[in-house]
Amino acid sequence: MIQVPFPVCYNEDGSYSREQLIKWREDDYVCQRMILGTMSNGLFDAFWQHSTALGLWNALLARHTTEDVGHRAFLINKYIEYKMVDDEPILDQLQEIVGVAQDIAAIGEPMSENFQVSTNFGKLPPSWKDY
């Protein structure tokens, strides 16, 4: 992660003038809004809550580094490939798939409610096809 002192400009004695703090906050705000302004709605919803441009940038780096891609791909694949069976109670299976969806949300991967509903209908066991 990138770590920059807050704010990046300071006086020789290590103090910050009021003008420097105001300028830093304004520049940080503009930078953060420019990054957010280029995002799709799904990404924006996942990252808008970061309070500084540096925090936003670090969150984006963490999400898109190759270390985490394998785990993310595994969870998404597990969610998509999950199939319910007639032998186990539906509620237990539903709890399992909801748990996987929560794990995906916890790593910052947005999933729309429409996607979840349509995907879960496709996971119902064969005996539920008439419903």
C-alpha atoms as a PDB file:
ATOM      1  CA  MET A   1       0.000   0.000   0.000  1.00  0.00           C
ATOM      2  CA  ILE A   2       1.050   3.548  -0.633  1.00  0.00           C
ATOM      3  CA  GLN A   3       1.440   5.610   2.514  1.00  0.00           C
ATOM      4  CA  VAL A   4       1.759   9.371   2.367  1.00  0.00           C
ATOM      5  CA  PRO A   5       1.931  11.637   5.423  1.00  0.00           C
ATOM      6  CA  PHE A   6      -1.159  13.746   6.030  1.00  0.00           C
ATOM      7  CA  PRO A   7      -0.869  16.311   4.535  1.00  0.00           C
ATOM      8  CA  VAL A   8       2.070  15.887   2.207  1.00  0.00           C
ATOM      9  CA  CYS A   9       3.280  19.497   2.575  1.00  0.00           C
ATOM     10  CA  TYR A  10       4.561  20.727   5.919  1.00  0.00           C
ATOM     11  CA  ASN A  11       6.854  23.399   7.291  1.00  0.00           C
ATOM     12  CA  GLU A  12      10.476  22.817   8.247  1.00  0.00           C
ATOM     13  CA  ASP A  13       9.504  22.477  11.908  1.00  0.00           C
ATOM     14  CA  GLY A  14       6.958  19.746  11.007  1.00  0.00           C
ATOM     15  CA  SER A  15       3.889  21.933  11.538  1.00  0.00           C
ATOM     16  CA  TYR A  16       1.155  22.713   9.069  1.00  0.00           C
ATOM     17  CA  SER A  17      -0.172  26.159   8.337  1.00  0.00           C
ATOM     18  CA  ARG A  18      -3.905  26.701   8.106  1.00  0.00           C
ATOM     19  CA  GLU A  19      -3.549  27.534   4.412  1.00  0.00           C
ATOM     20  CA  GLN A  20      -1.626  24.328   3.749  1.00  0.00           C
ATOM     21  CA  LEU A  21      -4.302  22.240   5.450  1.00  0.00           C
ATOM     22  CA  ILE A  22      -7.110  23.945   3.538  1.00  0.00           C
ATOM     23  CA  LYS A  23      -5.250  23.524   0.241  1.00  0.00           C
ATOM     24  CA  TRP A  24      -4.503  19.869   0.983  1.00  0.00           C
ATOM     25  CA  ARG A  25      -8.150  19.126   1.829  1.00  0.00           C
ATOM     26  CA  GLU A  26      -9.368  20.855  -1.331  1.00  0.00           C
ATOM     27  CA  ASP A  27      -6.846  19.019  -3.517  1.00  0.00           C
ATOM     28  CA  ASP A  28      -7.673  15.704  -1.839  1.00  0.00           C
ATOM     29  CA  TYR A  29     -11.396  16.291  -2.377  1.00  0.00           C
ATOM     30  CA  VAL A  30     -10.897  17.083  -6.081  1.00  0.00           C
ATOM     31  CA  CYS A  31      -8.653  14.055  -6.580  1.00  0.00           C
ATOM     32  CA  GLN A  32     -11.091  11.728  -4.813  1.00  0.00           C
ATOM     33  CA  ARG A  33     -14.066  13.038  -6.829  1.00  0.00           C
ATOM     34  CA  MET A  34     -12.150  12.694 -10.095  1.00  0.00           C
ATOM     35  CA  ILE A  35     -11.373   9.037  -9.346  1.00  0.00           C
ATOM     36  CA  LEU A  36     -14.968   8.330  -8.306  1.00  0.00           C
ATOM     37  CA  GLY A  37     -16.310  10.179 -11.342  1.00  0.00           C
ATOM     38  CA  THR A  38     -14.616   7.754 -13.716  1.00  0.00           C
ATOM     39  CA  MET A  39     -16.110   4.647 -12.082  1.00  0.00           C
ATOM     40  CA  SER A  40     -19.091   2.615 -13.189  1.00  0.00           C
ATOM     41  CA  ASN A  41     -22.078   2.579 -10.833  1.00  0.00           C
ATOM     42  CA  GLY A  42     -21.147  -0.811  -9.377  1.00  0.00           C
ATOM     43  CA  LEU A  43     -17.624   0.289  -8.510  1.00  0.00           C
ATOM     44  CA  PHE A  44     -18.817   3.662  -7.256  1.00  0.00           C
ATOM     45  CA  ASP A  45     -21.229   1.946  -4.855  1.00  0.00           C
ATOM     46  CA  ALA A  46     -18.387  -0.173  -3.502  1.00  0.00           C
ATOM     47  CA  PHE A  47     -15.851   2.650  -3.028  1.00  0.00           C
ATOM     48  CA  TRP A  48     -17.645   5.979  -2.402  1.00  0.00           C
ATOM     49  CA  GLN A  49     -17.337   5.755   1.389  1.00  0.00           C
ATOM     50  CA  HIS A  50     -13.544   6.265   1.506  1.00  0.00           C
ATOM     51  CA  SER A  51     -12.822   9.619   3.128  1.00  0.00           C
ATOM     52  CA  THR A  52      -9.560  10.478   1.352  1.00  0.00           C
ATOM     53  CA  ALA A  53      -8.152  10.016  -2.132  1.00  0.00           C
ATOM     54  CA  LEU A  54      -5.305   7.981  -0.638  1.00  0.00           C
ATOM     55  CA  GLY A  55      -7.741   5.677   1.163  1.00  0.00           C
ATOM     56  CA  LEU A  56      -9.700   5.250  -2.056  1.00  0.00           C
ATOM     57  CA  TRP A  57      -6.547   4.550  -4.033  1.00  0.00           C
ATOM     58  CA  ASN A  58      -5.310   1.967  -1.519  1.00  0.00           C
ATOM     59  CA  ALA A  59      -8.718   0.231  -1.554  1.00  0.00           C
ATOM     60  CA  LEU A  60      -8.600   0.075  -5.356  1.00  0.00           C
ATOM     61  CA  LEU A  61      -5.077  -1.336  -5.271  1.00  0.00           C
ATOM     62  CA  ALA A  62      -6.080  -3.948  -2.702  1.00  0.00           C
ATOM     63  CA  ARG A  63      -9.049  -5.012  -4.769  1.00  0.00           C
ATOM     64  CA  HIS A  64      -7.197  -5.301  -8.035  1.00  0.00           C
ATOM     65  CA  THR A  65      -3.893  -6.843  -6.988  1.00  0.00           C
ATOM     66  CA  THR A  66      -3.169 -10.322  -8.268  1.00  0.00           C
ATOM     67  CA  GLU A  67      -2.814 -11.780  -4.760  1.00  0.00           C
ATOM     68  CA  ASP A  68      -6.554 -11.571  -4.162  1.00  0.00           C
ATOM     69  CA  VAL A  69      -7.762 -12.389  -7.656  1.00  0.00           C
ATOM     70  CA  GLY A  70      -7.606 -16.156  -7.104  1.00  0.00           C
ATOM     71  CA  HIS A  71      -9.738 -16.008  -3.962  1.00  0.00           C
ATOM     72  CA  ARG A  72     -12.224 -13.633  -5.589  1.00  0.00           C
ATOM     73  CA  ALA A  73     -12.517 -15.835  -8.681  1.00  0.00           C
ATOM     74  CA  PHE A  74     -12.966 -18.913  -6.482  1.00  0.00           C
ATOM     75  CA  LEU A  75     -15.836 -17.319  -4.532  1.00  0.00           C
ATOM     76  CA  ILE A  76     -17.609 -16.018  -7.622  1.00  0.00           C
ATOM     77  CA  ASN A  77     -17.248 -19.373  -9.365  1.00  0.00           C
ATOM     78  CA  LYS A  78     -18.539 -21.157  -6.253  1.00  0.00           C
ATOM     79  CA  TYR A  79     -21.581 -18.874  -6.234  1.00  0.00           C
ATOM     80  CA  ILE A  80     -22.338 -19.278  -9.931  1.00  0.00           C
ATOM     81  CA  GLU A  81     -21.754 -23.050 -10.059  1.00  0.00           C
ATOM     82  CA  TYR A  82     -23.711 -23.867  -6.874  1.00  0.00           C
ATOM     83  CA  LYS A  83     -26.600 -26.298  -7.441  1.00  0.00           C
ATOM     84  CA  MET A  84     -29.263 -27.242  -4.918  1.00  0.00           C
ATOM     85  CA  VAL A  85     -30.263 -30.882  -4.466  1.00  0.00           C
ATOM     86  CA  ASP A  86     -33.466 -32.566  -3.350  1.00  0.00           C
ATOM     87  CA  ASP A  87     -31.742 -34.568  -0.586  1.00  0.00           C
ATOM     88  CA  GLU A  88     -31.013 -31.610   1.694  1.00  0.00           C
ATOM     89  CA  PRO A  89     -33.408 -29.038   3.203  1.00  0.00           C
ATOM     90  CA  ILE A  90     -33.884 -25.998   0.955  1.00  0.00           C
ATOM     91  CA  LEU A  91     -33.358 -23.527   3.824  1.00  0.00           C
ATOM     92  CA  ASP A  92     -29.972 -25.042   4.688  1.00  0.00           C
ATOM     93  CA  GLN A  93     -28.871 -24.791   1.067  1.00  0.00           C
ATOM     94  CA  LEU A  94     -30.198 -21.258   0.819  1.00  0.00           C
ATOM     95  CA  GLN A  95     -28.222 -20.293   3.941  1.00  0.00           C
ATOM     96  CA  GLU A  96     -25.084 -21.716   2.325  1.00  0.00           C
ATOM     97  CA  ILE A  97     -25.513 -19.733  -0.901  1.00  0.00           C
ATOM     98  CA  VAL A  98     -26.355 -16.556   1.045  1.00  0.00           C
ATOM     99  CA  GLY A  99     -23.131 -17.077   3.022  1.00  0.00           C
ATOM    100  CA  VAL A 100     -21.133 -17.253  -0.203  1.00  0.00           C
ATOM    101  CA  ALA A 101     -22.872 -14.077  -1.462  1.00  0.00           C
ATOM    102  CA  GLN A 102     -21.956 -12.325   1.806  1.00  0.00           C
ATOM    103  CA  ASP A 103     -18.329 -13.428   1.420  1.00  0.00           C
ATOM    104  CA  ILE A 104     -18.311 -11.960  -2.084  1.00  0.00           C
ATOM    105  CA  ALA A 105     -19.784  -8.690  -0.790  1.00  0.00           C
ATOM    106  CA  ALA A 106     -17.177  -8.614   2.012  1.00  0.00           C
ATOM    107  CA  ILE A 107     -14.330  -8.555  -0.514  1.00  0.00           C
ATOM    108  CA  GLY A 108     -15.941  -5.566  -2.240  1.00  0.00           C
ATOM    109  CA  GLU A 109     -17.406  -7.298  -5.268  1.00  0.00           C
ATOM    110  CA  PRO A 110     -20.808  -5.748  -5.955  1.00  0.00           C
ATOM    111  CA  MET A 111     -23.672  -8.078  -6.903  1.00  0.00           C
ATOM    112  CA  SER A 112     -27.034  -6.603  -7.765  1.00  0.00           C
ATOM    113  CA  GLU A 113     -30.159  -7.946  -6.127  1.00  0.00           C
ATOM    114  CA  ASN A 114     -31.612  -8.770  -9.569  1.00  0.00           C
ATOM    115  CA  PHE A 115     -28.545 -10.881 -10.375  1.00  0.00           C
ATOM    116  CA  GLN A 116     -28.803 -12.741  -7.079  1.00  0.00           C
ATOM    117  CA  VAL A 117     -32.517 -13.451  -7.466  1.00  0.00           C
ATOM    118  CA  SER A 118     -32.267 -14.659 -11.061  1.00  0.00           C
ATOM    119  CA  THR A 119     -29.206 -16.771 -10.272  1.00  0.00           C
ATOM    120  CA  ASN A 120     -30.820 -18.333  -7.198  1.00  0.00           C
ATOM    121  CA  PHE A 121     -33.945 -19.323  -9.143  1.00  0.00           C
ATOM    122  CA  GLY A 122     -31.688 -21.242 -11.493  1.00  0.00           C
ATOM    123  CA  LYS A 123     -30.153 -23.105  -8.557  1.00  0.00           C
ATOM    124  CA  LEU A 124     -33.388 -24.629  -7.302  1.00  0.00           C
ATOM    125  CA  PRO A 125     -33.472 -28.448  -7.348  1.00  0.00           C
ATOM    126  CA  PRO A 126     -35.354 -30.241 -10.140  1.00  0.00           C
ATOM    127  CA  SER A 127     -38.381 -30.909  -7.906  1.00  0.00           C
ATOM    128  CA  TRP A 128     -39.003 -27.137  -7.638  1.00  0.00           C
ATOM    129  CA  LYS A 129     -39.194 -26.484 -11.398  1.00  0.00           C
ATOM    130  CA  ASP A 130     -43.032 -26.270 -11.321  1.00  0.00           C
ATOM    131  CA  TYR A 131     -43.007 -23.427  -8.796  1.00  0.00           C
END
